[in-house]
Amino acid sequence: VLDNLAYRFEYIFNDNYKYPGAPKVIQEVIENKPFTLKNLEI
């Protein structure tokens, strides 16, 4: 999904193709196993 977003929103995900004011994101890859956000298991 993140790879698809990087293709469709290159100006957001590609640091070499950013324009001023573009959203900044951190890509967090998740797999089919639990992870924790702020003390809550997801």
All heavy atoms as atom14 arrays in JSON, in Angstrom:
{
  "sequence": "VLDNLAYRFEYIFNDNYKYPGAPKVIQEVIENKPFTLKNLEI",
  "atom14_mask": [
    [1, 1, 1, 1, 1, 1, 1, 0, 0, 0, 0, 0, 0, 0],
    [1, 1, 1, 1, 1, 1, 1, 1, 0, 0, 0, 0, 0, 0],
    [1, 1, 1, 1, 1, 1, 1, 1, 0, 0, 0, 0, 0, 0],
    [1, 1, 1, 1, 1, 1, 1, 1, 0, 0, 0, 0, 0, 0],
    [1, 1, 1, 1, 1, 1, 1, 1, 0, 0, 0, 0, 0, 0],
    [1, 1, 1, 1, 1, 0, 0, 0, 0, 0, 0, 0, 0, 0],
    [1, 1, 1, 1, 1, 1, 1, 1, 1, 1, 1, 1, 0, 0],
    [1, 1, 1, 1, 1, 1, 1, 1, 1, 1, 1, 0, 0, 0],
    [1, 1, 1, 1, 1, 1, 1, 1, 1, 1, 1, 0, 0, 0],
    [1, 1, 1, 1, 1, 1, 1, 1, 1, 0, 0, 0, 0, 0],
    [1, 1, 1, 1, 1, 1, 1, 1, 1, 1, 1, 1, 0, 0],
    [1, 1, 1, 1, 1, 1, 1, 1, 0, 0, 0, 0, 0, 0],
    [1, 1, 1, 1, 1, 1, 1, 1, 1, 1, 1, 0, 0, 0],
    [1, 1, 1, 1, 1, 1, 1, 1, 0, 0, 0, 0, 0, 0],
    [1, 1, 1, 1, 1, 1, 1, 1, 0, 0, 0, 0, 0, 0],
    [1, 1, 1, 1, 1, 1, 1, 1, 0, 0, 0, 0, 0, 0],
    [1, 1, 1, 1, 1, 1, 1, 1, 1, 1, 1, 1, 0, 0],
    [1, 1, 1, 1, 1, 1, 1, 1, 1, 0, 0, 0, 0, 0],
    [1, 1, 1, 1, 1, 1, 1, 1, 1, 1, 1, 1, 0, 0],
    [1, 1, 1, 1, 1, 1, 1, 0, 0, 0, 0, 0, 0, 0],
    [1, 1, 1, 1, 0, 0, 0, 0, 0, 0, 0, 0, 0, 0],
    [1, 1, 1, 1, 1, 0, 0, 0, 0, 0, 0, 0, 0, 0],
    [1, 1, 1, 1, 1, 1, 1, 0, 0, 0, 0, 0, 0, 0],
    [1, 1, 1, 1, 1, 1, 1, 1, 1, 0, 0, 0, 0, 0],
    [1, 1, 1, 1, 1, 1, 1, 0, 0, 0, 0, 0, 0, 0],
    [1, 1, 1, 1, 1, 1, 1, 1, 0, 0, 0, 0, 0, 0],
    [1, 1, 1, 1, 1, 1, 1, 1, 1, 0, 0, 0, 0, 0],
    [1, 1, 1, 1, 1, 1, 1, 1, 1, 0, 0, 0, 0, 0],
    [1, 1, 1, 1, 1, 1, 1, 0, 0, 0, 0, 0, 0, 0],
    [1, 1, 1, 1, 1, 1, 1, 1, 0, 0, 0, 0, 0, 0],
    [1, 1, 1, 1, 1, 1, 1, 1, 1, 0, 0, 0, 0, 0],
    [1, 1, 1, 1, 1, 1, 1, 1, 0, 0, 0, 0, 0, 0],
    [1, 1, 1, 1, 1, 1, 1, 1, 1, 0, 0, 0, 0, 0],
    [1, 1, 1, 1, 1, 1, 1, 0, 0, 0, 0, 0, 0, 0],
    [1, 1, 1, 1, 1, 1, 1, 1, 1, 1, 1, 0, 0, 0],
    [1, 1, 1, 1, 1, 1, 1, 0, 0, 0, 0, 0, 0, 0],
    [1, 1, 1, 1, 1, 1, 1, 1, 0, 0, 0, 0, 0, 0],
    [1, 1, 1, 1, 1, 1, 1, 1, 1, 0, 0, 0, 0, 0],
    [1, 1, 1, 1, 1, 1, 1, 1, 0, 0, 0, 0, 0, 0],
    [1, 1, 1, 1, 1, 1, 1, 1, 0, 0, 0, 0, 0, 0],
    [1, 1, 1, 1, 1, 1, 1, 1, 1, 0, 0, 0, 0, 0],
    [1, 1, 1, 1, 1, 1, 1, 1, 0, 0, 0, 0, 0, 0]
  ],
  "atom14_positions": [
    [[0.84, -1.2, 0.0], [0.0, 0.0, 0.0], [0.87, 1.25, 0.0], [0.61, 2.2, -0.75], [-0.95, -0.02, 1.2], [-1.73, 1.29, 1.29], [-1.91, -1.2, 1.1], [0.0, 0.0, 0.0], [0.0, 0.0, 0.0], [0.0, 0.0, 0.0], [0.0, 0.0, 0.0], [0.0, 0.0, 0.0], [0.0, 0.0, 0.0], [0.0, 0.0, 0.0]],
    [[1.91, 1.27, 0.82], [2.81, 2.42, 0.85], [3.51, 2.61, -0.49], [3.7, 3.75, -0.95], [3.82, 2.26, 1.98], [3.26, 2.4, 3.4], [4.31, 2.0, 4.42], [2.76, 3.82, 3.67], [0.0, 0.0, 0.0], [0.0, 0.0, 0.0], [0.0, 0.0, 0.0], [0.0, 0.0, 0.0], [0.0, 0.0, 0.0], [0.0, 0.0, 0.0]],
    [[3.89, 1.52, -1.14], [4.5, 1.62, -2.46], [3.53, 2.22, -3.46], [3.91, 3.04, -4.32], [4.96, 0.24, -2.96], [6.17, -0.29, -2.2], [6.82, 0.51, -1.49], [6.44, -1.49, -2.3], [0.0, 0.0, 0.0], [0.0, 0.0, 0.0], [0.0, 0.0, 0.0], [0.0, 0.0, 0.0], [0.0, 0.0, 0.0], [0.0, 0.0, 0.0]],
    [[2.27, 1.84, -3.36], [1.25, 2.38, -4.25], [1.05, 3.87, -4.0], [0.94, 4.67, -4.93], [-0.06, 1.62, -4.06], [-1.14, 2.06, -5.0], [-1.82, 3.06, -4.76], [-1.32, 1.31, -6.08], [0.0, 0.0, 0.0], [0.0, 0.0, 0.0], [0.0, 0.0, 0.0], [0.0, 0.0, 0.0], [0.0, 0.0, 0.0], [0.0, 0.0, 0.0]],
    [[1.03, 4.26, -2.72], [0.89, 5.68, -2.39], [2.07, 6.49, -2.9], [1.91, 7.62, -3.38], [0.74, 5.86, -0.88], [-0.48, 5.23, -0.21], [-0.5, 5.57, 1.27], [-1.76, 5.68, -0.87], [0.0, 0.0, 0.0], [0.0, 0.0, 0.0], [0.0, 0.0, 0.0], [0.0, 0.0, 0.0], [0.0, 0.0, 0.0], [0.0, 0.0, 0.0]],
    [[3.27, 5.92, -2.79], [4.47, 6.62, -3.26], [4.42, 6.86, -4.77], [4.94, 7.87, -5.27], [5.72, 5.83, -2.89], [0.0, 0.0, 0.0], [0.0, 0.0, 0.0], [0.0, 0.0, 0.0], [0.0, 0.0, 0.0], [0.0, 0.0, 0.0], [0.0, 0.0, 0.0], [0.0, 0.0, 0.0], [0.0, 0.0, 0.0], [0.0, 0.0, 0.0]],
    [[3.79, 5.95, -5.49], [3.63, 6.11, -6.94], [2.57, 7.16, -7.26], [2.77, 8.02, -8.11], [3.25, 4.76, -7.56], [2.87, 4.84, -9.0], [3.84, 4.99, -10.0], [1.53, 4.75, -9.4], [3.48, 5.08, -11.33], [1.17, 4.82, -10.73], [2.14, 4.98, -11.69], [1.79, 5.06, -13.01], [0.0, 0.0, 0.0], [0.0, 0.0, 0.0]],
    [[1.46, 7.1, -6.56], [0.33, 7.99, -6.85], [0.53, 9.39, -6.29], [-0.03, 10.36, -6.8], [-0.95, 7.38, -6.32], [-1.28, 6.06, -7.0], [-2.36, 5.28, -6.3], [-3.69, 5.85, -6.48], [-4.81, 5.22, -6.13], [-4.74, 4.02, -5.58], [-5.99, 5.77, -6.32], [0.0, 0.0, 0.0], [0.0, 0.0, 0.0], [0.0, 0.0, 0.0]],
    [[1.29, 9.49, -5.2], [1.54, 10.79, -4.56], [3.04, 11.03, -4.5], [3.61, 11.26, -3.44], [0.94, 10.81, -3.15], [-0.56, 10.72, -3.12], [-1.18, 9.49, -3.0], [-1.34, 11.86, -3.21], [-2.57, 9.39, -2.95], [-2.72, 11.78, -3.17], [-3.34, 10.54, -3.04], [0.0, 0.0, 0.0], [0.0, 0.0, 0.0], [0.0, 0.0, 0.0]],
    [[3.68, 10.99, -5.65], [5.14, 11.11, -5.69], [5.61, 12.4, -5.05], [6.64, 12.43, -4.36], [5.64, 11.03, -7.14], [7.16, 11.03, -7.24], [7.64, 10.91, -8.68], [6.82, 11.07, -9.6], [8.85, 10.68, -8.87], [0.0, 0.0, 0.0], [0.0, 0.0, 0.0], [0.0, 0.0, 0.0], [0.0, 0.0, 0.0], [0.0, 0.0, 0.0]],
    [[4.87, 13.47, -5.22], [5.28, 14.76, -4.68], [5.26, 14.79, -3.15], [5.84, 15.68, -2.52], [4.4, 15.88, -5.23], [2.99, 15.89, -4.71], [2.61, 16.71, -3.64], [2.01, 15.07, -5.27], [1.32, 16.71, -3.16], [0.73, 15.06, -4.8], [0.38, 15.89, -3.75], [-0.92, 15.89, -3.26], [0.0, 0.0, 0.0], [0.0, 0.0, 0.0]],
    [[4.6, 13.81, -2.53], [4.59, 13.69, -1.07], [5.68, 12.75, -0.59], [6.4, 13.05, 0.37], [3.21, 13.2, -0.56], [2.13, 14.23, -0.87], [3.26, 12.9, 0.94], [0.72, 13.77, -0.49], [0.0, 0.0, 0.0], [0.0, 0.0, 0.0], [0.0, 0.0, 0.0], [0.0, 0.0, 0.0], [0.0, 0.0, 0.0], [0.0, 0.0, 0.0]],
    [[5.86, 11.62, -1.26], [6.71, 10.55, -0.77], [8.15, 10.6, -1.3], [9.04, 10.02, -0.7], [6.09, 9.2, -1.12], [4.88, 8.86, -0.29], [3.63, 9.39, -0.6], [4.98, 8.03, 0.81], [2.52, 9.08, 0.16], [3.88, 7.72, 1.58], [2.64, 8.26, 1.26], [0.0, 0.0, 0.0], [0.0, 0.0, 0.0], [0.0, 0.0, 0.0]],
    [[8.36, 11.27, -2.42], [9.69, 11.32, -3.02], [10.38, 12.62, -2.64], [9.97, 13.7, -3.06], [9.58, 11.2, -4.55], [10.93, 11.08, -5.23], [11.97, 11.41, -4.65], [10.93, 10.59, -6.46], [0.0, 0.0, 0.0], [0.0, 0.0, 0.0], [0.0, 0.0, 0.0], [0.0, 0.0, 0.0], [0.0, 0.0, 0.0], [0.0, 0.0, 0.0]],
    [[11.43, 12.52, -1.84], [12.13, 13.73, -1.37], [12.76, 14.52, -2.5], [13.06, 15.71, -2.35], [13.21, 13.34, -0.36], [12.62, 12.87, 0.96], [11.48, 13.26, 1.27], [13.3, 12.1, 1.67], [0.0, 0.0, 0.0], [0.0, 0.0, 0.0], [0.0, 0.0, 0.0], [0.0, 0.0, 0.0], [0.0, 0.0, 0.0], [0.0, 0.0, 0.0]],
    [[12.98, 13.87, -3.65], [13.58, 14.56, -4.8], [12.54, 15.28, -5.65], [12.89, 15.93, -6.63], [14.34, 13.56, -5.67], [15.5, 12.94, -4.92], [16.2, 13.6, -4.16], [15.7, 11.63, -5.12], [0.0, 0.0, 0.0], [0.0, 0.0, 0.0], [0.0, 0.0, 0.0], [0.0, 0.0, 0.0], [0.0, 0.0, 0.0], [0.0, 0.0, 0.0]],
    [[11.27, 15.15, -5.29], [10.22, 15.7, -6.13], [9.22, 16.49, -5.31], [8.05, 16.55, -5.6], [9.53, 14.57, -6.9], [8.57, 15.03, -7.97], [9.02, 15.75, -9.06], [7.21, 14.73, -7.88], [8.13, 16.17, -10.04], [6.32, 15.15, -8.85], [6.78, 15.86, -9.94], [5.9, 16.29, -10.91], [0.0, 0.0, 0.0], [0.0, 0.0, 0.0]],
    [[9.67, 17.07, -4.22], [8.77, 17.8, -3.35], [8.61, 19.25, -3.8], [9.53, 19.85, -4.33], [9.28, 17.79, -1.9], [8.93, 16.51, -1.15], [9.26, 16.66, 0.32], [8.85, 15.43, 1.11], [7.4, 15.25, 1.15], [0.0, 0.0, 0.0], [0.0, 0.0, 0.0], [0.0, 0.0, 0.0], [0.0, 0.0, 0.0], [0.0, 0.0, 0.0]],
    [[7.43, 19.78, -3.59], [7.26, 21.21, -3.77], [6.98, 21.83, -2.41], [6.51, 21.15, -1.5], [6.15, 21.54, -4.78], [4.75, 21.15, -4.4], [4.02, 21.88, -3.44], [4.13, 20.07, -4.99], [2.74, 21.54, -3.1], [2.84, 19.72, -4.66], [2.15, 20.45, -3.7], [0.86, 20.12, -3.37], [0.0, 0.0, 0.0], [0.0, 0.0, 0.0]],
    [[7.25, 23.12, -2.24], [7.05, 23.75, -0.94], [5.6, 23.6, -0.47], [4.65, 23.81, -1.22], [7.38, 25.22, -1.21], [8.31, 25.17, -2.37], [7.85, 24.04, -3.22], [0.0, 0.0, 0.0], [0.0, 0.0, 0.0], [0.0, 0.0, 0.0], [0.0, 0.0, 0.0], [0.0, 0.0, 0.0], [0.0, 0.0, 0.0], [0.0, 0.0, 0.0]],
    [[5.43, 23.2, 0.77], [4.09, 23.03, 1.32], [3.52, 21.65, 1.18], [2.43, 21.37, 1.7], [0.0, 0.0, 0.0], [0.0, 0.0, 0.0], [0.0, 0.0, 0.0], [0.0, 0.0, 0.0], [0.0, 0.0, 0.0], [0.0, 0.0, 0.0], [0.0, 0.0, 0.0], [0.0, 0.0, 0.0], [0.0, 0.0, 0.0], [0.0, 0.0, 0.0]],
    [[4.2, 20.75, 0.47], [3.69, 19.39, 0.34], [3.64, 18.73, 1.71], [4.49, 19.0, 2.57], [4.58, 18.58, -0.6], [0.0, 0.0, 0.0], [0.0, 0.0, 0.0], [0.0, 0.0, 0.0], [0.0, 0.0, 0.0], [0.0, 0.0, 0.0], [0.0, 0.0, 0.0], [0.0, 0.0, 0.0], [0.0, 0.0, 0.0], [0.0, 0.0, 0.0]],
    [[2.66, 17.86, 1.94], [2.6, 17.16, 3.23], [3.87, 16.36, 3.49], [4.49, 15.85, 2.57], [1.4, 16.23, 3.06], [0.6, 16.8, 1.96], [1.57, 17.47, 1.05], [0.0, 0.0, 0.0], [0.0, 0.0, 0.0], [0.0, 0.0, 0.0], [0.0, 0.0, 0.0], [0.0, 0.0, 0.0], [0.0, 0.0, 0.0], [0.0, 0.0, 0.0]],
    [[4.23, 16.29, 4.75], [5.35, 15.45, 5.16], [4.8, 14.23, 5.88], [3.94, 14.35, 6.76], [6.29, 16.23, 6.08], [6.97, 17.41, 5.41], [7.88, 18.12, 6.39], [8.57, 19.32, 5.72], [9.46, 20.04, 6.67], [0.0, 0.0, 0.0], [0.0, 0.0, 0.0], [0.0, 0.0, 0.0], [0.0, 0.0, 0.0], [0.0, 0.0, 0.0]],
    [[5.28, 13.07, 5.5], [4.78, 11.83, 6.1], [5.94, 10.95, 6.53], [7.05, 11.06, 6.01], [3.86, 11.05, 5.13], [2.64, 11.88, 4.75], [4.62, 10.6, 3.9], [0.0, 0.0, 0.0], [0.0, 0.0, 0.0], [0.0, 0.0, 0.0], [0.0, 0.0, 0.0], [0.0, 0.0, 0.0], [0.0, 0.0, 0.0], [0.0, 0.0, 0.0]],
    [[5.65, 10.09, 7.48], [6.58, 9.04, 7.91], [5.95, 7.71, 7.52], [4.82, 7.41, 7.94], [6.82, 9.08, 9.43], [7.4, 10.43, 9.84], [7.74, 7.95, 9.86], [7.44, 10.63, 11.35], [0.0, 0.0, 0.0], [0.0, 0.0, 0.0], [0.0, 0.0, 0.0], [0.0, 0.0, 0.0], [0.0, 0.0, 0.0], [0.0, 0.0, 0.0]],
    [[6.63, 6.93, 6.71], [6.1, 5.65, 6.28], [6.34, 4.59, 7.36], [7.49, 4.31, 7.7], [6.74, 5.22, 4.97], [6.49, 6.19, 3.83], [7.07, 5.68, 2.54], [6.75, 4.58, 2.09], [7.93, 6.48, 1.91], [0.0, 0.0, 0.0], [0.0, 0.0, 0.0], [0.0, 0.0, 0.0], [0.0, 0.0, 0.0], [0.0, 0.0, 0.0]],
    [[5.27, 4.04, 7.88], [5.34, 3.0, 8.91], [4.79, 1.71, 8.33], [3.57, 1.54, 8.17], [4.54, 3.41, 10.15], [5.04, 4.68, 10.83], [6.28, 4.45, 11.67], [6.76, 3.29, 11.72], [6.76, 5.41, 12.29], [0.0, 0.0, 0.0], [0.0, 0.0, 0.0], [0.0, 0.0, 0.0], [0.0, 0.0, 0.0], [0.0, 0.0, 0.0]],
    [[5.67, 0.79, 7.98], [5.25, -0.48, 7.39], [4.71, -1.4, 8.49], [5.38, -1.63, 9.5], [6.41, -1.18, 6.66], [5.96, -2.53, 6.11], [6.94, -0.29, 5.54], [0.0, 0.0, 0.0], [0.0, 0.0, 0.0], [0.0, 0.0, 0.0], [0.0, 0.0, 0.0], [0.0, 0.0, 0.0], [0.0, 0.0, 0.0], [0.0, 0.0, 0.0]],
    [[3.5, -1.9, 8.29], [2.93, -2.85, 9.24], [2.68, -4.18, 8.53], [2.41, -4.23, 7.33], [1.64, -2.33, 9.9], [0.59, -1.96, 8.85], [1.94, -1.15, 10.79], [-0.73, -1.54, 9.45], [0.0, 0.0, 0.0], [0.0, 0.0, 0.0], [0.0, 0.0, 0.0], [0.0, 0.0, 0.0], [0.0, 0.0, 0.0], [0.0, 0.0, 0.0]],
    [[2.8, -5.24, 9.3], [2.56, -6.58, 8.8], [1.38, -7.17, 9.57], [0.79, -6.51, 10.44], [3.81, -7.44, 8.96], [5.01, -6.89, 8.18], [6.28, -7.68, 8.44], [6.29, -8.5, 9.39], [7.25, -7.47, 7.7], [0.0, 0.0, 0.0], [0.0, 0.0, 0.0], [0.0, 0.0, 0.0], [0.0, 0.0, 0.0], [0.0, 0.0, 0.0]],
    [[1.05, -8.39, 9.26], [-0.08, -9.02, 9.92], [0.32, -9.57, 11.29], [0.31, -10.77, 11.55], [-0.65, -10.13, 9.04], [-1.99, -10.64, 9.56], [-2.58, -10.05, 10.46], [-2.46, -11.74, 9.0], [0.0, 0.0, 0.0], [0.0, 0.0, 0.0], [0.0, 0.0, 0.0], [0.0, 0.0, 0.0], [0.0, 0.0, 0.0], [0.0, 0.0, 0.0]],
    [[0.69, -8.65, 12.16], [1.01, -8.98, 13.54], [0.79, -7.74, 14.39], [0.85, -6.61, 13.9], [2.45, -9.47, 13.67], [3.5, -8.52, 13.18], [4.89, -9.18, 13.26], [5.98, -8.21, 12.79], [7.33, -8.85, 12.85], [0.0, 0.0, 0.0], [0.0, 0.0, 0.0], [0.0, 0.0, 0.0], [0.0, 0.0, 0.0], [0.0, 0.0, 0.0]],
    [[0.52, -7.91, 15.68], [0.18, -6.77, 16.53], [1.31, -5.76, 16.64], [2.49, -6.09, 16.55], [-0.1, -7.42, 17.89], [-0.44, -8.83, 17.58], [0.4, -9.2, 16.39], [0.0, 0.0, 0.0], [0.0, 0.0, 0.0], [0.0, 0.0, 0.0], [0.0, 0.0, 0.0], [0.0, 0.0, 0.0], [0.0, 0.0, 0.0], [0.0, 0.0, 0.0]],
    [[0.92, -4.5, 16.82], [1.86, -3.44, 17.11], [1.2, -2.5, 18.11], [-0.01, -2.61, 18.38], [2.3, -2.7, 15.84], [1.19, -2.03, 15.07], [0.96, -0.66, 15.2], [0.39, -2.75, 14.19], [-0.06, -0.04, 14.49], [-0.62, -2.14, 13.47], [-0.85, -0.78, 13.62], [0.0, 0.0, 0.0], [0.0, 0.0, 0.0], [0.0, 0.0, 0.0]],
    [[1.97, -1.6, 18.67], [1.46, -0.74, 19.74], [1.53, 0.73, 19.36], [2.54, 1.2, 18.82], [2.26, -0.96, 21.04], [2.14, -2.34, 21.43], [1.72, -0.09, 22.17], [0.0, 0.0, 0.0], [0.0, 0.0, 0.0], [0.0, 0.0, 0.0], [0.0, 0.0, 0.0], [0.0, 0.0, 0.0], [0.0, 0.0, 0.0], [0.0, 0.0, 0.0]],
    [[0.45, 1.43, 19.62], [0.41, 2.89, 19.46], [0.0, 3.49, 20.8], [-1.11, 3.24, 21.27], [-0.59, 3.3, 18.38], [-0.3, 2.9, 16.94], [-1.44, 3.32, 16.03], [1.01, 3.5, 16.47], [0.0, 0.0, 0.0], [0.0, 0.0, 0.0], [0.0, 0.0, 0.0], [0.0, 0.0, 0.0], [0.0, 0.0, 0.0], [0.0, 0.0, 0.0]],
    [[0.91, 4.23, 21.41], [0.6, 4.95, 22.65], [-0.11, 4.04, 23.67], [-1.22, 4.32, 24.12], [-0.27, 6.17, 22.35], [0.29, 7.11, 21.3], [1.56, 7.78, 21.76], [2.05, 8.79, 20.72], [3.28, 9.47, 21.13], [0.0, 0.0, 0.0], [0.0, 0.0, 0.0], [0.0, 0.0, 0.0], [0.0, 0.0, 0.0], [0.0, 0.0, 0.0]],
    [[0.52, 2.94, 24.01], [0.03, 2.01, 25.04], [-1.2, 1.2, 24.63], [-1.77, 0.51, 25.47], [-0.28, 2.76, 26.35], [0.93, 3.49, 26.89], [2.03, 2.94, 26.91], [0.74, 4.73, 27.31], [0.0, 0.0, 0.0], [0.0, 0.0, 0.0], [0.0, 0.0, 0.0], [0.0, 0.0, 0.0], [0.0, 0.0, 0.0], [0.0, 0.0, 0.0]],
    [[-1.61, 1.29, 23.39], [-2.75, 0.52, 22.92], [-2.3, -0.48, 21.87], [-1.66, -0.11, 20.88], [-3.81, 1.44, 22.31], [-5.07, 0.75, 21.79], [-5.87, 0.12, 22.94], [-5.95, 1.75, 21.03], [0.0, 0.0, 0.0], [0.0, 0.0, 0.0], [0.0, 0.0, 0.0], [0.0, 0.0, 0.0], [0.0, 0.0, 0.0], [0.0, 0.0, 0.0]],
    [[-2.6, -1.76, 22.08], [-2.24, -2.78, 21.1], [-3.21, -2.74, 19.92], [-4.43, -2.74, 20.11], [-2.27, -4.17, 21.73], [-1.83, -5.27, 20.76], [-1.87, -6.65, 21.36], [-2.97, -7.07, 21.8], [-0.81, -7.32, 21.39], [0.0, 0.0, 0.0], [0.0, 0.0, 0.0], [0.0, 0.0, 0.0], [0.0, 0.0, 0.0], [0.0, 0.0, 0.0]],
    [[-2.67, -2.69, 18.73], [-3.44, -2.71, 17.49], [-3.21, -4.06, 16.83], [-2.06, -4.45, 16.59], [-3.02, -1.59, 16.53], [-2.87, -0.25, 17.26], [-3.98, -1.52, 15.35], [-4.12, 0.26, 17.89], [0.0, 0.0, 0.0], [0.0, 0.0, 0.0], [0.0, 0.0, 0.0], [0.0, 0.0, 0.0], [0.0, 0.0, 0.0], [0.0, 0.0, 0.0]]
  ]
}
